[in-house]
Amino acid sequence: MRCCLRAIGFLCLVSAAPIASAADHEVLLGGGGDSFRPRDLTINVGDTVTFRNLGGQHNVHALDNSFRCANGCDAAGGEPNGSHWQDTIAFDQAGTIAYQCDPHASMGMRGTITVQEGNAGGGNVPITAGFTGAWFDPLQSGHGLFIEVLPDNRILAWWFTFNPDGTQQAWFGNVGTIDGDTATVDAVQTVGGRWIPNFDPTEITQPPWGRLTFTFTDCDHGRVDFTSSVGGYGEGHMDLTRLTQPAGLSCP
C-alpha cells in the first residue's frame, strides 16, 4: 500500500492523492498504557491518520514496511522515542495494513488500518440511529456530548462542558432536526439549579445559547460547529470521536 508521510520537518510525497478535503483520524498511544487507541481503524481512500504519542518509548511500524515513524519517519526518526511526538500518514489505496510498536509488539501493542473505497476524498455520511452515543475530542478529554438520534429525522444533543472562565460546569443542548448528512440543534443552556434538598424546579430557566451543527465523515468520526450568543463562547468547531455506542445499535 502506498502512503504519504507528513511529519514535523519531514515531507515525503509518494502520490498526488487528493487529501485536501479528506478526513483526519487520530490514534493515541502511550500516556499510561502500552496500546493504540483505537486499535482497529476503518478510513476512506485519501484520509489521513495522525499518531500522537502521549508518553512512553514507542513507534509505529507497518508490517509491510510502508512506514516506520516516531519523531519523524526517516531512518533515524522511526526509532522508538519517548517524546510527545506526532506523525501524520495519508493513504491513497484501499486495503488493510497491520502495524505495531516495535518494543511492545509482544505485549499486544498492535493495530490495523482498513482503507475502503467508499467515501474517497472526504465528504459526509447520512446521520442514522447508529450515531447515537457519547462523543468527545481525545485531545480535550474531560468534556463531550451525548447524542441520540430520534424518530422523524430528529436528534437530541447535549454538550457537558465548562463555562469560558472555568469557574463552573455548563451544559447546553436541545432537540434539533436532521437533514440528510447534517443535524442542526438550536441549543439552550440550563441554569438556576441547586443541589438537593435545595433544588427548586421553578428556578430552572433555559435561555438560548446558540446553534450546534453536526456532520460525520464515518461511523466513528465527525465534528460539531458552534456559534453562541452567550459571551465568551464565540464560534468555532470541535472534532469528534466516538466514545460509546449503545448495545444493539450498529452503524453501517
Protein backbone atom coordinates (compact mmCIF):
# COMPACT_ATOMS: atom_id res chain seq x y z
CA MET A 1 0.00 0.00 0.00
CA ARG A 2 1.37 3.39 -0.94
CA CYS A 3 1.19 6.20 1.55
CA CYS A 4 2.26 9.74 2.05
CA LEU A 5 4.10 10.55 5.27
CA ARG A 6 3.91 14.05 6.70
CA ALA A 7 5.78 14.68 9.94
CA ILE A 8 7.11 17.79 11.62
CA GLY A 9 10.04 18.87 9.49
CA PHE A 10 9.59 15.97 7.08
CA LEU A 11 7.59 15.54 3.89
CA CYS A 12 7.51 12.50 1.63
CA LEU A 13 5.25 12.82 -1.41
CA VAL A 14 4.62 9.41 -2.95
CA SER A 15 1.43 10.18 -4.87
CA ALA A 16 -0.92 13.01 -5.68
CA ALA A 17 -3.82 11.71 -3.59
CA PRO A 18 -6.49 14.39 -3.13
CA ILE A 19 -6.17 14.77 0.63
CA ALA A 20 -7.18 18.44 0.89
CA SER A 21 -10.79 17.60 1.69
CA ALA A 22 -10.12 14.22 3.29
CA ALA A 23 -10.82 13.38 6.92
CA ASP A 24 -8.08 13.13 9.52
CA HIS A 25 -8.31 10.35 12.10
CA GLU A 26 -6.38 10.12 15.35
CA VAL A 27 -4.72 7.17 17.02
CA LEU A 28 -3.37 7.79 20.52
CA LEU A 29 -0.59 5.76 22.10
CA GLY A 30 1.30 5.80 25.35
CA GLY A 31 0.33 8.04 28.23
CA GLY A 32 -0.01 5.31 30.84
CA GLY A 33 -0.80 2.30 28.67
CA ASP A 34 1.01 0.27 26.03
CA SER A 35 -1.80 0.28 23.46
CA PHE A 36 -3.12 2.02 20.36
CA ARG A 37 -6.45 3.82 20.83
CA PRO A 38 -8.38 2.86 18.75
CA ARG A 39 -6.61 -0.36 17.95
CA ASP A 40 -8.50 -1.07 14.71
CA LEU A 41 -9.50 1.81 12.47
CA THR A 42 -11.51 2.00 9.25
CA ILE A 43 -10.92 5.00 7.00
CA ASN A 44 -11.52 6.02 3.40
CA VAL A 45 -9.13 6.39 0.49
CA GLY A 46 -7.46 9.79 0.74
CA ASP A 47 -7.92 10.08 4.51
CA THR A 48 -5.06 10.69 6.92
CA VAL A 49 -4.21 9.13 10.27
CA THR A 50 -2.34 11.15 12.89
CA PHE A 51 -0.50 9.10 15.51
CA ARG A 52 0.05 11.02 18.77
CA ASN A 53 2.39 9.68 21.44
CA LEU A 54 1.26 10.82 24.89
CA GLY A 55 4.32 9.37 26.61
CA GLY A 56 6.48 6.25 26.61
CA GLN A 57 9.11 4.73 24.36
CA HIS A 58 7.02 3.97 21.26
CA ASN A 59 6.94 3.99 17.49
CA VAL A 60 4.51 2.91 14.74
CA HIS A 61 5.87 0.36 12.28
CA ALA A 62 3.85 -1.03 9.37
CA LEU A 63 4.46 -4.75 8.93
CA ASP A 64 4.79 -4.23 5.18
CA ASN A 65 7.40 -1.52 5.92
CA SER A 66 5.42 1.19 4.14
CA PHE A 67 6.01 3.45 7.14
CA ARG A 68 8.06 3.44 10.34
CA CYS A 69 7.60 6.58 12.39
CA ALA A 70 8.16 8.13 15.78
CA ASN A 71 9.87 11.50 15.98
CA GLY A 72 9.78 11.68 12.19
CA CYS A 73 9.59 8.98 9.56
CA ASP A 74 13.14 8.79 8.25
CA ALA A 75 15.56 6.04 9.17
CA ALA A 76 16.54 7.66 12.47
CA GLY A 77 13.17 9.20 13.26
CA GLY A 78 11.38 5.86 13.14
CA GLU A 79 13.28 4.56 16.14
CA PRO A 80 11.16 4.26 19.34
CA ASN A 81 11.05 7.64 21.03
CA GLY A 82 9.75 8.77 24.42
CA SER A 83 8.95 12.37 23.48
CA HIS A 84 5.43 13.66 22.80
CA TRP A 85 5.73 13.23 19.05
CA GLN A 86 3.11 13.07 16.30
CA ASP A 87 3.20 11.87 12.70
CA THR A 88 0.52 12.02 10.00
CA ILE A 89 0.16 9.37 7.30
CA ALA A 90 -2.10 9.64 4.24
CA PHE A 91 -3.42 6.54 2.47
CA ASP A 92 -4.24 6.54 -1.24
CA GLN A 93 -5.11 2.88 -1.88
CA ALA A 94 -7.75 0.53 -0.49
CA GLY A 95 -6.59 -2.38 1.63
CA THR A 96 -5.66 -3.35 5.18
CA ILE A 97 -2.33 -2.60 6.76
CA ALA A 98 -1.16 -4.01 10.09
CA TYR A 99 1.27 -2.11 12.29
CA GLN A 100 2.93 -2.39 15.68
CA CYS A 101 5.07 -0.66 18.26
CA ASP A 102 8.38 -2.46 17.91
CA PRO A 103 9.40 -2.62 21.59
CA HIS A 104 5.89 -3.56 22.78
CA ALA A 105 4.57 -5.79 19.99
CA SER A 106 5.00 -8.90 22.14
CA MET A 107 2.76 -7.23 24.74
CA GLY A 108 -0.05 -6.82 22.21
CA MET A 109 0.65 -3.26 21.06
CA ARG A 110 -0.56 -3.86 17.54
CA GLY A 111 -3.22 -2.31 15.31
CA THR A 112 -4.77 -2.33 11.85
CA ILE A 113 -5.95 0.33 9.44
CA THR A 114 -8.56 -0.71 6.88
CA VAL A 115 -8.77 1.67 3.94
CA GLN A 116 -12.02 1.49 1.97
CA GLU A 117 -13.07 2.98 -1.35
CA GLY A 118 -16.50 4.14 -0.08
CA ASN A 119 -16.04 7.81 0.81
CA ALA A 120 -12.91 8.60 -1.13
CA GLY A 121 -11.72 12.18 -0.89
CA GLY A 122 -13.78 13.04 2.18
CA GLY A 123 -17.41 14.09 2.43
CA ASN A 124 -20.13 13.48 4.98
CA VAL A 125 -22.39 10.46 5.51
CA PRO A 126 -26.12 10.36 6.34
CA ILE A 127 -26.92 10.58 10.05
CA THR A 128 -28.77 7.46 11.20
CA ALA A 129 -29.71 5.88 14.54
CA GLY A 130 -26.25 4.28 14.69
CA PHE A 131 -24.71 7.63 15.57
CA THR A 132 -26.38 7.56 18.99
CA GLY A 133 -23.78 7.55 21.76
CA ALA A 134 -21.18 9.62 23.59
CA TRP A 135 -18.67 11.68 21.58
CA PHE A 136 -15.57 13.65 22.51
CA ASP A 137 -12.28 15.01 21.25
CA PRO A 138 -9.40 12.80 22.50
CA LEU A 139 -7.18 15.90 22.70
CA GLN A 140 -9.72 17.57 25.00
CA SER A 141 -10.72 14.62 27.16
CA GLY A 142 -12.85 15.77 30.08
CA HIS A 143 -15.86 17.20 28.27
CA GLY A 144 -18.05 15.98 25.43
CA LEU A 145 -21.51 15.37 24.02
CA PHE A 146 -24.32 12.87 24.31
CA ILE A 147 -26.21 12.35 21.06
CA GLU A 148 -29.41 10.39 20.49
CA VAL A 149 -30.98 10.06 17.07
CA LEU A 150 -34.77 10.13 17.39
CA PRO A 151 -37.60 9.17 15.02
CA ASP A 152 -38.85 11.61 12.37
CA ASN A 153 -35.42 12.99 11.50
CA ARG A 154 -34.85 14.50 14.93
CA ILE A 155 -31.76 14.49 17.12
CA LEU A 156 -31.16 15.12 20.82
CA ALA A 157 -27.74 16.55 21.65
CA TRP A 158 -26.33 17.90 24.92
CA TRP A 159 -22.82 19.22 25.46
CA PHE A 160 -21.47 18.76 29.01
CA THR A 161 -18.56 21.14 29.47
CA PHE A 162 -17.42 24.23 31.41
CA ASN A 163 -18.01 27.95 31.21
CA PRO A 164 -15.39 30.12 29.44
CA ASP A 165 -13.89 31.28 32.75
CA GLY A 166 -13.50 27.71 34.01
CA THR A 167 -15.30 28.54 37.24
CA GLN A 168 -18.20 26.11 36.92
CA GLN A 169 -19.70 23.39 34.79
CA ALA A 170 -22.03 24.21 31.92
CA TRP A 171 -24.34 22.15 29.77
CA PHE A 172 -26.39 23.11 26.77
CA GLY A 173 -28.32 21.38 24.01
CA ASN A 174 -31.79 20.64 22.71
CA VAL A 175 -33.75 18.57 20.22
CA GLY A 176 -32.96 19.51 16.62
CA THR A 177 -33.53 18.29 13.10
CA ILE A 178 -31.60 16.05 10.70
CA ASP A 179 -31.42 16.88 7.01
CA GLY A 180 -29.56 14.03 5.32
CA ASP A 181 -25.94 14.37 6.44
CA THR A 182 -26.37 17.46 8.64
CA ALA A 183 -28.03 17.90 12.03
CA THR A 184 -28.86 21.33 13.44
CA VAL A 185 -29.66 21.99 17.09
CA ASP A 186 -30.72 25.40 18.46
CA ALA A 187 -29.25 24.94 21.92
CA VAL A 188 -30.50 26.27 25.24
CA GLN A 189 -28.42 26.42 28.43
CA THR A 190 -29.83 25.06 31.67
CA VAL A 191 -29.25 27.43 34.61
CA GLY A 192 -30.69 28.09 38.06
CA GLY A 193 -30.37 24.65 39.60
CA ARG A 194 -29.10 23.80 43.08
CA TRP A 195 -28.19 20.53 44.75
CA ILE A 196 -30.84 18.61 46.71
CA PRO A 197 -32.54 19.27 49.09
CA ASN A 198 -32.44 22.88 47.82
CA PHE A 199 -33.39 22.06 44.24
CA ASP A 200 -36.38 24.13 43.10
CA PRO A 201 -37.73 23.34 39.62
CA THR A 202 -39.38 26.77 39.45
CA GLU A 203 -35.91 28.35 39.48
CA ILE A 204 -34.75 26.48 36.37
CA THR A 205 -34.52 28.53 33.19
CA GLN A 206 -33.23 27.64 29.73
CA PRO A 207 -32.13 30.79 27.89
CA PRO A 208 -30.92 30.47 24.28
CA TRP A 209 -27.24 29.52 23.99
CA GLY A 210 -26.61 29.29 20.25
CA ARG A 211 -26.53 26.75 17.41
CA LEU A 212 -24.78 23.37 17.07
CA THR A 213 -24.29 21.80 13.63
CA PHE A 214 -23.21 18.16 13.39
CA THR A 215 -21.63 16.33 10.45
CA PHE A 216 -19.90 12.94 10.30
CA THR A 217 -17.34 11.54 7.88
CA ASP A 218 -17.85 7.95 9.05
CA CYS A 219 -19.40 6.00 11.92
CA ASP A 220 -16.69 6.97 14.40
CA HIS A 221 -15.63 10.49 13.40
CA GLY A 222 -17.29 13.82 12.83
CA ARG A 223 -17.37 17.42 14.02
CA VAL A 224 -19.62 19.90 15.72
CA ASP A 225 -19.61 23.50 14.56
CA PHE A 226 -20.90 26.02 17.08
CA THR A 227 -21.85 29.66 17.30
CA SER A 228 -23.09 31.16 20.56
CA SER A 229 -24.81 34.37 21.56
CA VAL A 230 -23.57 33.93 25.14
CA GLY A 231 -20.48 35.95 25.98
CA GLY A 232 -17.17 34.09 25.93
CA TYR A 233 -18.19 31.05 23.92
CA GLY A 234 -17.86 32.60 20.46
CA GLU A 235 -17.81 30.35 17.41
CA GLY A 236 -15.67 27.51 16.14
CA HIS A 237 -15.71 23.72 15.92
CA MET A 238 -14.60 20.59 17.75
CA ASP A 239 -13.57 17.33 16.09
CA LEU A 240 -15.50 14.34 17.40
CA THR A 241 -14.51 10.72 18.00
CA ARG A 242 -16.97 8.10 19.17
CA LEU A 243 -16.61 7.15 22.84
CA THR A 244 -19.60 4.79 23.28
CA GLN A 245 -22.31 3.07 21.27
CA PRO A 246 -25.44 1.56 22.88
CA ALA A 247 -25.74 -2.23 22.79
CA GLY A 248 -27.79 -3.44 19.86
CA LEU A 249 -27.08 -0.48 17.61
CA SER A 250 -24.86 -0.71 14.57
CA CYS A 251 -23.60 1.93 12.21
CA PRO A 252 -23.10 0.94 8.55
